[in-house]
Structure formats: structure tokens, C-alpha cells
Protein backbone atom coordinates (compact mmCIF):
# COMPACT_ATOMS: atom_id res chain seq x y z
CA MET A 1 22.27 -30.39 25.41
CA LEU A 2 18.48 -30.37 25.71
CA ARG A 3 17.08 -31.14 29.00
CA SER A 4 16.71 -34.81 29.62
CA SER A 5 13.00 -35.05 28.93
CA LEU A 6 13.56 -33.48 25.47
CA ILE A 7 16.38 -36.00 24.80
CA ALA A 8 14.78 -39.26 25.71
CA VAL A 9 11.41 -40.41 27.48
CA GLY A 10 11.11 -43.68 28.88
CA ALA A 11 9.04 -46.54 27.71
CA ALA A 12 6.30 -46.02 30.06
CA LEU A 13 5.32 -42.78 28.28
CA VAL A 14 3.85 -44.63 25.20
CA CYS A 15 0.20 -43.50 25.37
CA SER A 16 -2.88 -45.58 24.72
CA VAL A 17 -6.25 -44.94 23.15
CA ALA A 18 -7.53 -44.65 26.67
CA SER A 19 -4.98 -42.05 27.92
CA ALA A 20 -5.81 -39.89 24.80
CA GLN A 21 -8.99 -39.03 26.22
CA ASN A 22 -7.58 -36.43 28.78
CA LYS A 23 -9.00 -33.16 27.94
CA MET A 24 -6.97 -29.92 28.06
CA ASP A 25 -7.80 -27.94 31.15
CA GLY A 26 -9.73 -24.90 29.76
CA SER A 27 -7.99 -22.48 32.23
CA LYS A 28 -4.84 -23.32 30.15
CA LEU A 29 -6.06 -21.75 26.82
CA PHE A 30 -5.64 -18.04 26.64
CA PRO A 31 -6.65 -15.62 23.72
CA ILE A 32 -3.83 -13.76 22.02
CA GLN A 33 -4.26 -10.30 22.70
CA GLY A 34 -2.55 -7.87 20.27
CA LYS A 35 -0.10 -8.52 17.54
CA VAL A 36 1.83 -11.56 17.11
CA HIS A 37 5.35 -10.36 16.27
CA ASP A 38 8.04 -11.46 13.83
CA ALA A 39 11.26 -12.11 15.72
CA GLY A 40 13.48 -12.46 12.65
CA ILE A 41 15.76 -15.25 11.80
CA TYR A 42 18.19 -16.60 14.17
CA ASP A 43 21.43 -18.00 12.87
CA MET A 44 22.12 -21.05 15.21
CA ARG A 45 25.75 -21.32 13.79
CA THR A 46 26.65 -17.89 14.53
CA GLY A 47 24.22 -17.14 17.46
CA LYS A 48 23.20 -13.82 15.67
CA TRP A 49 19.90 -12.40 14.39
CA PHE A 50 19.28 -11.13 10.59
CA PRO A 51 16.25 -9.58 9.49
CA ARG A 52 13.79 -11.14 7.47
CA SER A 53 14.78 -8.85 4.51
CA GLN A 54 17.98 -10.93 4.16
CA ALA A 55 16.30 -14.26 3.92
CA GLY A 56 17.99 -15.00 0.71
CA GLN A 57 20.95 -15.92 2.91
CA LEU A 58 19.17 -19.27 3.48
CA GLY A 59 19.65 -20.30 0.05
CA ALA A 60 18.42 -20.00 -3.49
CA ALA A 61 16.49 -23.37 -3.36
CA GLN A 62 14.74 -22.66 0.03
CA GLN A 63 11.18 -24.10 -0.05
CA THR A 64 8.58 -25.05 2.68
CA ILE A 65 7.92 -28.70 3.23
CA TYR A 66 5.65 -28.45 6.21
CA ASN A 67 3.36 -25.69 7.30
CA ASN A 68 1.07 -25.72 10.39
CA THR A 69 0.38 -22.02 10.47
CA CYS A 70 -3.24 -21.12 10.01
CA PHE A 71 -5.24 -19.47 12.92
CA TRP A 72 -8.74 -20.10 11.64
CA SER A 73 -12.13 -20.98 12.64
CA ASN A 74 -15.25 -20.93 10.42
CA GLY A 75 -13.43 -18.63 7.95
CA ASN A 76 -12.29 -16.12 10.74
CA PRO A 77 -9.14 -15.35 12.51
CA PHE A 78 -9.11 -17.35 15.93
CA PHE A 79 -6.26 -16.78 18.29
CA TYR A 80 -5.29 -18.77 21.37
CA PHE A 81 -2.18 -20.22 22.98
CA GLY A 82 -1.70 -23.03 25.32
CA ILE A 83 -0.16 -22.36 28.58
CA HIS A 84 3.01 -24.25 29.79
CA SER A 85 3.79 -24.70 33.26
CA PRO A 86 7.76 -24.29 33.70
CA CYS A 87 7.78 -27.90 34.68
CA GLU A 88 6.00 -29.17 31.41
CA ASP A 89 7.47 -30.42 27.90
CA TRP A 90 4.96 -30.64 25.09
CA TYR A 91 5.17 -33.05 22.09
CA ASP A 92 3.15 -32.46 18.93
CA ASP A 93 3.53 -34.82 15.84
CA GLY A 94 2.93 -34.03 11.88
CA ARG A 95 3.89 -35.39 8.73
CA VAL A 96 5.80 -34.06 5.59
CA PRO A 97 3.11 -34.31 2.70
CA ALA A 98 4.74 -35.49 -0.34
CA SER A 99 1.85 -34.12 -2.52
CA GLY A 100 1.37 -31.03 -0.57
CA PRO A 101 3.83 -28.13 -0.68
CA ALA A 102 5.75 -27.69 -3.91
CA GLY A 103 8.99 -28.10 -2.28
CA ALA A 104 8.50 -31.39 -0.44
CA GLY A 105 10.52 -34.15 -2.33
CA PRO A 106 11.19 -37.93 -1.33
CA ASP A 107 13.84 -36.40 1.00
CA ASN A 108 14.48 -33.05 2.18
CA ALA A 109 17.74 -31.14 3.34
CA THR A 110 15.86 -28.97 6.02
CA ASN A 111 17.59 -25.95 7.46
CA THR A 112 15.04 -23.64 8.71
CA TYR A 113 12.43 -24.09 11.53
CA ASP A 114 9.67 -21.65 12.23
CA PHE A 115 8.59 -21.73 15.80
CA GLY A 116 6.04 -19.76 17.76
CA TYR A 117 5.93 -18.99 21.38
CA CYS A 118 4.25 -16.64 23.86
CA THR A 119 6.15 -15.29 26.95
CA GLY A 120 5.57 -13.19 30.03
CA ALA A 121 9.41 -13.09 30.61
CA PRO A 122 11.30 -10.01 29.57
CA SER A 123 13.98 -10.14 26.87
CA GLY A 124 17.36 -11.39 28.08
CA ILE A 125 15.92 -14.19 30.28
CA VAL A 126 13.38 -15.88 27.93
CA ASP A 127 14.22 -19.74 28.58
CA VAL A 128 12.20 -21.47 25.79
CA ASP A 129 13.84 -24.68 24.33
CA TRP A 130 12.50 -26.71 21.17
CA ALA A 131 13.68 -29.89 19.64
CA LEU A 132 12.71 -31.96 16.41
CA PHE A 133 12.70 -35.68 16.36
CA ASP A 134 12.45 -38.37 13.90
CA THR A 135 9.01 -40.08 14.94
CA ASN A 136 10.22 -43.29 12.75
CA ALA A 137 12.63 -43.72 15.73
CA THR A 138 10.40 -42.32 18.48
CA PRO A 139 6.98 -44.21 17.88
CA ASN A 140 3.82 -42.52 18.97
CA ALA A 141 0.34 -43.90 19.55
CA ALA A 142 -3.25 -43.00 19.58
CA ASN A 143 -2.24 -39.93 17.43
CA CYS A 144 -0.42 -38.56 20.31
CA ALA A 145 3.24 -37.31 20.12
CA GLY A 146 6.09 -38.10 22.58
CA GLY A 147 5.67 -42.03 23.04
CA VAL A 148 9.18 -42.94 23.07
CA GLY A 149 10.65 -46.60 23.26
CA PRO A 150 13.42 -47.99 24.86
CA GLY A 151 16.93 -46.70 23.31
CA ALA A 152 15.35 -43.46 22.23
CA PRO A 153 17.75 -41.25 20.18
CA ALA A 154 18.63 -37.59 20.52
CA ALA A 155 16.82 -34.99 18.48
CA LEU A 156 17.77 -34.29 14.91
CA VAL A 157 17.87 -30.60 15.71
CA GLY A 158 17.00 -28.14 18.54
CA PHE A 159 17.64 -24.97 20.37
CA ILE A 160 18.29 -24.43 24.09
CA SER A 161 18.01 -20.94 25.23
CA ALA A 162 20.36 -21.12 28.09
CA ALA A 163 22.99 -22.66 25.96
CA ALA A 164 22.57 -19.74 23.51
CA GLY A 165 22.79 -17.13 25.98
CA PHE A 166 19.14 -16.35 26.14
CA PRO A 167 18.72 -14.43 22.77
CA LEU A 168 14.95 -14.66 22.33
CA PRO A 169 12.81 -11.50 22.58
CA GLY A 170 10.42 -11.42 25.54
CA SER A 171 7.33 -9.73 26.79
CA THR A 172 6.70 -6.01 25.54
CA ASN A 173 3.39 -5.55 27.31
CA PRO A 174 3.15 -4.20 31.02
CA THR A 175 -0.48 -4.91 31.25
CA PHE A 176 -1.04 -8.23 29.58
CA ASN A 177 2.31 -9.87 30.29
CA ALA A 178 2.50 -12.44 27.55
CA THR A 179 3.81 -11.34 24.11
CA CYS A 180 3.76 -13.65 21.30
CA TRP A 181 6.60 -14.20 18.71
CA ILE A 182 7.30 -16.24 15.61
CA ALA A 183 10.93 -16.79 15.21
CA THR A 184 12.63 -18.47 12.41
CA PHE A 185 16.04 -20.62 13.18
CA THR A 186 18.47 -21.55 10.71
CA THR A 187 21.20 -24.04 10.56
CA GLY A 188 22.82 -22.47 7.29
CA THR A 189 24.30 -25.27 5.34
CA ALA A 190 24.24 -27.76 7.74
CA THR A 191 21.00 -29.67 6.78
CA VAL A 192 18.97 -32.28 8.57
CA CYS A 193 17.40 -34.92 6.22
CA MET A 194 13.65 -35.53 6.50
CA GLN A 195 11.72 -38.05 4.21
CA SER A 196 8.30 -37.54 2.99
CA GLY A 197 5.72 -39.91 1.51
CA ALA A 198 2.58 -41.90 1.77
CA THR A 199 3.97 -44.10 4.74
CA THR A 200 5.12 -43.46 8.20
CA ALA A 201 8.59 -42.74 6.99
CA ASP A 202 7.17 -39.05 6.92
CA LEU A 203 6.38 -38.62 10.64
CA PHE A 204 8.20 -36.29 12.95
CA THR A 205 7.68 -34.98 16.54
CA MET A 206 7.99 -31.19 17.49
CA ALA A 207 8.91 -30.65 21.32
CA SER A 208 8.90 -27.61 23.33
CA ALA A 209 9.80 -26.74 27.13
CA PHE A 210 9.35 -23.30 28.85
CA ASN A 211 11.74 -22.94 31.71
CA ASN A 212 11.02 -19.66 33.30
CA THR A 213 9.60 -19.54 36.70
CA ILE A 214 6.32 -18.00 37.65
CA ALA A 215 8.21 -14.87 39.15
CA GLN A 216 10.13 -14.35 35.89
CA SER A 217 7.11 -14.69 33.82
CA SER A 218 4.33 -12.56 35.76
CA GLY A 219 3.21 -9.15 35.15
CA THR A 220 1.70 -6.66 37.30
CA ASN A 221 -1.49 -7.90 36.82
CA PHE A 222 -1.11 -11.58 36.92
CA THR A 223 0.05 -13.95 39.64
CA PHE A 224 0.83 -16.96 37.40
CA ALA A 225 2.95 -17.69 34.17
CA LEU A 226 1.55 -16.75 30.95
CA GLN A 227 3.92 -18.69 28.57
CA GLY A 228 3.11 -21.25 25.93
CA ASN A 229 2.93 -22.04 22.25
CA PRO A 230 0.61 -20.33 19.62
CA LEU A 231 -1.99 -22.97 18.60
CA CYS A 232 -3.18 -23.04 15.03
CA GLY A 233 -5.24 -25.02 12.39
CA ASP A 234 -8.53 -26.81 12.09
CA PRO A 235 -8.51 -30.29 13.15
CA THR A 236 -11.46 -31.38 10.66
CA ASN A 237 -11.15 -35.14 9.82
CA ASN A 238 -11.90 -34.75 6.04
CA PRO A 239 -11.30 -37.79 3.49
CA GLY A 240 -7.56 -38.01 2.59
CA GLY A 241 -6.01 -36.57 5.64
CA THR A 242 -6.49 -34.42 8.73
CA GLY A 243 -5.27 -31.41 10.12
CA THR A 244 -4.47 -28.13 8.51
CA TYR A 245 -3.86 -30.01 5.27
CA ASN A 246 -7.56 -29.82 4.62
CA ILE A 247 -8.14 -26.09 5.70
CA PRO A 248 -10.19 -24.31 3.24
CA PRO A 249 -8.27 -21.79 1.14
CA GLY A 250 -7.72 -18.67 3.06
CA THR A 251 -5.25 -16.26 4.62
CA ASP A 252 -3.16 -16.78 7.79
CA ALA A 253 -3.78 -13.90 10.22
CA VAL A 254 -0.42 -13.87 11.32
CA THR A 255 1.82 -14.33 8.25
CA GLY A 256 -0.75 -12.86 5.66
CA GLY A 257 0.07 -15.82 3.45
CA PRO A 258 -2.15 -18.81 2.61
CA CYS A 259 -3.17 -21.18 5.22
CA GLY A 260 -0.66 -24.06 5.86
CA THR A 261 -0.41 -27.61 4.92
CA GLY A 262 0.42 -29.56 8.06
CA LEU A 263 -0.55 -33.04 7.08
CA ASP A 264 -1.80 -35.08 9.99
CA ASN A 265 -1.49 -32.50 12.81
CA GLN A 266 -4.51 -33.32 14.86
CA ASP A 267 -5.72 -31.85 18.03
CA PHE A 268 -3.74 -34.51 20.19
CA PHE A 269 -0.40 -33.68 21.89
CA TRP A 270 1.79 -35.53 24.55
CA LEU A 271 2.44 -33.45 27.85
CA ASN A 272 5.33 -34.81 29.89
CA VAL A 273 6.08 -33.36 33.42
CA ASP A 274 10.00 -33.30 33.67
CA GLY A 275 10.40 -36.82 32.63
CA VAL A 276 7.83 -38.41 34.97
CA PRO A 277 6.27 -41.44 33.64
CA GLY A 278 2.52 -41.64 32.99
CA GLY A 279 0.66 -42.09 36.41
CA GLY A 280 3.88 -41.01 38.28
CA THR A 281 4.39 -38.16 40.81
CA PRO A 282 5.85 -34.89 39.89
CA PRO A 283 8.94 -33.67 41.60
CA PRO A 284 7.82 -31.42 44.52
CA ALA A 285 8.95 -28.02 42.75
CA CYS A 286 6.90 -29.16 39.94
CA THR A 287 3.63 -29.99 42.06
CA ALA A 288 4.17 -26.47 43.73
CA GLN A 289 3.97 -25.04 39.98
CA GLY A 290 0.64 -26.59 39.42
CA ALA A 291 1.99 -28.78 36.70
CA SER A 292 -0.60 -31.03 34.97
CA GLY A 293 -0.08 -34.75 34.80
CA THR A 294 2.08 -36.62 32.32
CA GLY A 295 -0.07 -38.18 29.61
CA CYS A 296 -1.91 -37.75 26.22
CA TYR A 297 -4.35 -34.60 25.80
CA PHE A 298 -6.50 -33.27 23.25
CA PHE A 299 -7.57 -29.54 22.92
CA GLY A 300 -11.24 -30.11 23.18
CA GLY A 301 -12.26 -31.28 19.63
CA TYR A 302 -13.64 -29.55 16.67
CA PRO A 303 -15.56 -27.11 16.08
CA ALA A 304 -15.58 -25.92 19.79
CA ALA A 305 -11.67 -26.01 19.79
CA PRO A 306 -10.63 -24.82 16.37
CA TYR A 307 -6.71 -25.85 16.48
CA SER A 308 -4.83 -28.72 15.90
CA GLY A 309 -1.45 -28.22 17.23
CA MET A 310 1.62 -26.01 17.84
CA TYR A 311 2.64 -23.33 15.16
CA PHE A 312 5.47 -24.91 13.15
CA VAL A 313 7.19 -24.50 9.72
CA ILE A 314 9.98 -26.57 8.16
CA GLY A 315 11.98 -25.14 5.38
CA ALA A 316 14.38 -27.28 3.11
CA ASP A 317 17.08 -26.36 0.74
CA GLY A 318 16.37 -28.83 -1.73
CA GLY A 319 16.95 -32.83 -1.77
CA CYS A 320 19.67 -34.36 0.48
CA GLY A 321 19.78 -37.82 -1.60
CA CYS A 322 18.12 -40.78 -0.30
CA THR A 323 20.31 -42.59 2.44
CA GLY A 324 17.35 -44.68 3.88
CA ASN A 325 17.69 -42.93 7.25
CA VAL A 326 19.12 -46.22 8.76
CA THR A 327 18.97 -45.68 12.61
CA THR A 328 19.33 -48.14 15.48
CA TYR A 329 16.71 -48.15 18.16
CA CYS A 330 15.32 -50.54 20.73
CA THR A 331 17.37 -52.47 23.30
CA SER A 332 19.38 -55.76 23.15
CA LYS A 333 18.78 -58.49 25.63
CA THR A 334 22.22 -59.52 27.16
CA ALA A 335 22.75 -63.05 26.37
CA SER A 336 23.62 -65.87 28.79
CA ASN A 337 27.22 -65.65 28.16
CA GLY A 338 27.34 -61.92 28.85
CA CYS A 339 27.51 -60.96 25.28
CA VAL A 340 25.22 -57.86 24.08
CA PRO A 341 24.09 -58.36 20.52
CA ASP A 342 24.58 -55.48 18.06
CA ILE A 343 22.59 -54.92 14.84
CA ASN A 344 24.32 -52.73 12.11
CA SER A 345 24.41 -52.39 8.37
CA THR A 346 26.25 -51.40 5.31
CA GLY A 347 24.96 -49.91 2.08
CA THR A 348 21.59 -48.18 1.28
CA PRO A 349 18.07 -49.79 1.35
CA ASP A 350 17.14 -49.35 -2.40
CA ALA A 351 14.09 -50.75 -4.12
CA ASN A 352 15.82 -51.01 -7.50
CA ALA A 353 19.61 -52.05 -6.61
CA GLY A 354 18.88 -55.73 -6.18
CA SER A 355 21.51 -55.91 -3.74
CA GLY A 356 24.11 -54.22 -1.37
CA PHE A 357 22.21 -53.36 1.79
CA ILE A 358 23.73 -55.98 4.35
CA VAL A 359 22.13 -56.32 7.52
CA THR A 360 24.39 -57.98 10.25
CA THR A 361 23.79 -58.82 13.83
CA ASP A 362 26.91 -60.11 15.83
CA HIS A 363 27.90 -60.77 19.42
CA VAL A 364 25.25 -63.43 19.61
CA VAL A 365 25.90 -66.93 21.19
CA ASN A 366 27.84 -69.31 19.02
CA ASN A 367 26.60 -71.82 16.86
CA LYS A 368 22.97 -71.35 17.72
CA ASN A 369 20.14 -71.07 15.01
CA GLY A 370 18.47 -67.86 14.44
CA VAL A 371 16.69 -65.38 12.18
CA HIS A 372 16.27 -61.86 11.21
CA PHE A 373 12.58 -60.90 11.35
CA TYR A 374 11.07 -57.62 10.09
CA SER A 375 7.89 -55.51 9.90
CA THR A 376 6.56 -52.85 7.78
CA ALA A 377 3.67 -52.21 10.38
CA GLY A 378 5.33 -49.67 12.60
CA LEU A 379 7.97 -49.60 15.44
CA GLN A 380 7.71 -50.12 18.99
CA GLY A 381 9.56 -51.32 22.12
CA VAL A 382 7.51 -53.82 24.29
CA PRO A 383 8.68 -56.41 26.88
CA PHE A 384 9.16 -59.71 25.06
CA GLN A 385 10.87 -63.12 26.23
CA GLY A 386 13.25 -61.24 28.62
CA GLY A 387 14.02 -58.55 26.03
CA PHE A 388 12.14 -55.98 23.67
CA LEU A 389 10.05 -56.79 20.81
CA CYS A 390 10.86 -53.64 18.55
CA MET A 391 8.23 -53.80 15.91
CA LYS A 392 4.71 -54.46 15.49
CA GLN A 393 2.62 -57.35 14.09
CA PRO A 394 2.56 -58.57 11.52
CA ILE A 395 6.09 -60.05 11.50
CA LYS A 396 8.02 -61.58 8.71
CA ARG A 397 11.00 -63.86 8.86
CA LEU A 398 13.89 -64.13 6.72
CA PRO A 399 15.61 -67.72 6.52
CA VAL A 400 17.02 -69.38 9.43
CA GLN A 401 20.69 -69.30 9.90
CA ASN A 402 23.36 -70.76 12.23
CA SER A 403 25.30 -68.19 13.84
CA GLY A 404 28.62 -70.10 13.61
CA SER A 405 31.76 -69.13 15.67
CA THR A 406 33.52 -66.75 13.44
CA GLY A 407 32.05 -63.34 14.57
CA PRO A 408 33.63 -60.40 16.60
CA ALA A 409 34.91 -61.28 20.05
CA CYS A 410 32.46 -60.45 22.83
CA GLY A 411 33.86 -59.73 26.44
CA THR A 412 37.37 -60.84 27.00
CA SER A 413 37.30 -64.57 25.94
CA THR A 414 34.13 -65.55 23.85
CA VAL A 415 34.07 -65.44 20.43
CA GLY A 416 30.58 -64.25 19.16
CA GLY A 417 28.55 -65.62 16.27
CA PHE A 418 26.51 -63.52 13.83
CA PHE A 419 23.57 -63.54 11.50
CA GLN A 420 23.78 -61.67 8.11
CA ASN A 421 21.43 -60.91 5.26
CA ASP A 422 21.21 -58.78 2.10
CA PHE A 423 18.05 -56.98 2.42
CA ASN A 424 17.99 -55.62 -0.88
CA VAL A 425 18.08 -59.15 -2.35
CA LYS A 426 14.83 -59.68 -0.24
CA ILE A 427 13.36 -56.42 -1.51
CA ALA A 428 14.14 -57.46 -5.08
CA SER A 429 12.58 -60.98 -4.82
CA GLY A 430 9.19 -59.48 -4.99
CA THR A 431 8.00 -61.94 -2.33
CA ASP A 432 6.73 -59.27 0.00
CA PRO A 433 4.57 -56.57 -2.02
CA ALA A 434 4.97 -54.36 1.22
CA LEU A 435 8.60 -53.64 0.37
CA ILE A 436 8.29 -50.83 -1.97
CA ALA A 437 10.03 -47.39 -2.12
CA GLY A 438 9.12 -45.45 0.93
CA ALA A 439 8.00 -47.87 3.13
CA LEU A 440 9.40 -47.90 6.83
CA VAL A 441 11.05 -50.97 7.89
CA GLY A 442 12.04 -52.26 11.23
CA ILE A 443 14.42 -55.40 11.54
CA GLN A 444 15.65 -57.24 14.67
CA ALA A 445 17.32 -60.66 15.37
CA TRP A 446 16.09 -63.56 17.41
CA TYR A 447 18.07 -66.70 18.22
CA ARG A 448 18.41 -69.72 20.37
CA ASP A 449 20.05 -69.12 23.85
CA PRO A 450 19.37 -72.29 26.06
CA ALA A 451 20.92 -71.15 29.10
CA SER A 452 18.79 -68.11 29.20
CA PRO A 453 15.57 -68.21 31.38
CA SER A 454 13.54 -67.69 28.13
CA THR A 455 16.08 -70.09 26.03
CA THR A 456 15.94 -67.05 23.51
CA GLY A 457 17.96 -63.99 22.60
CA LEU A 458 17.05 -60.97 21.09
CA SER A 459 19.20 -58.06 19.47
CA ASN A 460 18.53 -54.28 19.25
CA ALA A 461 16.84 -53.19 15.91
CA LEU A 462 17.11 -51.00 12.90
CA ASN A 463 14.94 -48.85 11.06
CA PHE A 464 15.01 -47.63 7.64
CA THR A 465 13.17 -46.06 4.59
CA ILE A 466 13.50 -48.00 1.43
CA CYS A 467 14.94 -45.62 -1.20
CA PRO A 468 13.35 -45.16 -5.00
């Protein structure tokens, strides 16, 4: 499994507009000297490498759906990488553009991930982890990745060096000890479904951690660790988008191919010191390593800093069939009788089905009025009435119901009530113009609980994308 800080980060890490003004320490930006090497393709199923010439093994339908790969500044190559402390995790976000790469569709069966890294550790001990999160379920703020609400899910897919036996190639240069590599990781036929579109349904978060110690990463001429992510892109804010999606036509100095189309990858990123909340104190070992503080950072701003984020590419083997990516998130409030409400669903959210997506919240207090409410304005997890409000305003309500007393049992003796709605019926009604194909929806239950200090109860939540 990934380190805990890559699996889930507490609610206190949600960054604000103010915290996004932390500037990247200039001493942590280093030019890449020499060639950026091609590590080949690593098969995560077998733990073996195969050369780039055998890329056909990845599937005949292989297409790039996200590409943040361009080292570019005013038309010229510009190479930098950001230094990681062994105690830091970096989170960088992006979007899959529906109208960008030719391969992007409404949903994409991803199975290849190009990840760039620079390391001073020799081959055989390189300890670099990465993970890919569905940002729909891990909300961000202020264009800064990694702000994770209560009940954050595990990564969609990831790589852990230690669990794989440290197979990554390392430093080859005895005088400048950081060597930079681009490696492609493949899951073969085990695909991960990712959405694209014009709404926040297409968001994702890329995370990385460099775990080698200073002693493991230092060359003969350096007394500190040189390890980190290659930085690329031009964060110019142009009409219609941001990040490398708007880089003028050109050639990537690393790949030799055209510049990437990494929609919405800006020059902000989230830095987390071993799971320490914003404003917290790092562990003593991390303090000794000189780790920066947890928070939201930016690389300095265009044009002085001509990069927008980590080098990253996502490839897909065609479509995966729209499932709506229905996911539970956030945290239920325990009811006064000890019940823990639980929201679940059957069927698929569909813009054209008319019915069949049933949302149910059970284990609520018997015979009480309540309501499912929803939002298309984004997801969150903020304290509210003794529980959590799991979505952003404006919030819209479905009809009030009574929970009855025929729901699944709760605890050892109490029979719980429940609320139930067919959300496809709501979509088909046309009463909410925001409920269209591609819209990201969060839904939660609220009900009366007179014995609770707030006299109210709250469930956890579902988020889903409406299928076309």
C-alpha cells in the first residue's frame, strides 16, 4: 500500500485562496543538466520492464488522453526539476480535455501512465512512489491539488517502489548526482475508468513521494538530496483554458514530439509533510531533513517560472462504458440512537434513461421527516450541524419523505428507517437545467433527529457523473 499520506489526507489540508500564495523556495528549483533518459515500460502486473519498441503490447487502441509534457519557455527548451525532501508528498492536479487529444472520449479505460522523476540514488534503492486520485472524490481548492475531505478514498492506481522491489533506474552521473528519467507504467488489461468533459467530472490529482534519505541520494560533490519531479508547461492564462493546453505549437525537447495538451495544469501544487495538517509541526526526523511546511505553493508565476506542473501522461485503451463513477465520500453523523446512516445506490445515472438510478439512505432514525439534497457546484466536507456538509452551495432538495420503520436493522435492536429516490426521474423531469450529461453531482440525506444536540441528522454522500 501507499504511504498513509498518499492514501488519504485529513480535512485540515483543504487549502484556501490565502494559503495558495506561498511561493516555491527558489533553492528547490534546479536545472536539469544533461539528457532526460527513457526508462522504458514497466509492467505493473509482472514487475518486468520491456523496451519502448514493444509498445504494441499495450493494445492496438492505445491513445493519449492527457499530456503535460512540454519543457518550453518563449519558444525554447527550459529544463528544471523541483527538489523533494524525503519527508514531502507533492500533489498536482489536471483535467482530461474532451476536445483536446484525439483519443479522449466521455470515459476512458486508462492503463498507461508516464511519470517523470530525478534522483540521486543509485539503481536498486530508488524509492519513488506515485499515485493517481479521482479529484471528484478528493476536492481541491484555489487551484491547488491535495485538499482532501473526510472519508477520502484510496488511489485509483499507484506504484510503490519498496513493494515492487525498487526496480527504478537511478543516478548515472558521479559529478552531478541527479539523473532524470521518464518511465511508462502499464496495468495491461486492468484498466481504470476516467471521465472527460466540460465539468469538474474530468478532474484528477497526481501525487508523488521521494523516500530516499539524504545519505542515499547524495553524490560526491553534494551534501543534500537531489531528487524531484521534472517540471514542464507554460502556465499562461489564455481564454479557453490554462496550462499546457495553450502552449503554442512546438516540439518537446525530451520526447521529440509535439507539446502536450494537459488541460488546466497550472503552476500551483500542494505540498504535504508526512500527513501533517496545515500549520502543524512536522515529525522531528522531517524537521532535521529541512522539509518545507504543509500548504499550497506556486512555482513563481509566468513568465519568470515557465512551468505549470509535474511531467505526466495518461494513456487509454479506448472507452470503458459509462458507469457514472458512483463513489461514496464524506462522513456520516452518528444518530442519537447509535445508528450510522449509509447512502448507497443501484443502477446508473443517465441523462436519457428516465428512471433506474435508485439512491437510498438507510439506518436513519425511524418515523422522521427528511430529504435527499444535492448540488452540481462541487464537493467538499465541512463541519455542519454536528456532522459534515458534503457539497457546495447552491444546494437543491428533493421532496420531503418520512423514514418509516421498515428499513434495515441498526445495531442490535433498533430497526432503521430509510429515504429513497429515483434520481433518473429527477433528471428526466427537466426541472433542473444543470442535470445534464457530464455534470458532477453530490447527494446526501438530512433528517430530523430530536434527541440529537442539533435536532438533525446527516448521512455520508454519493458523487456521480451523469452519463450521456
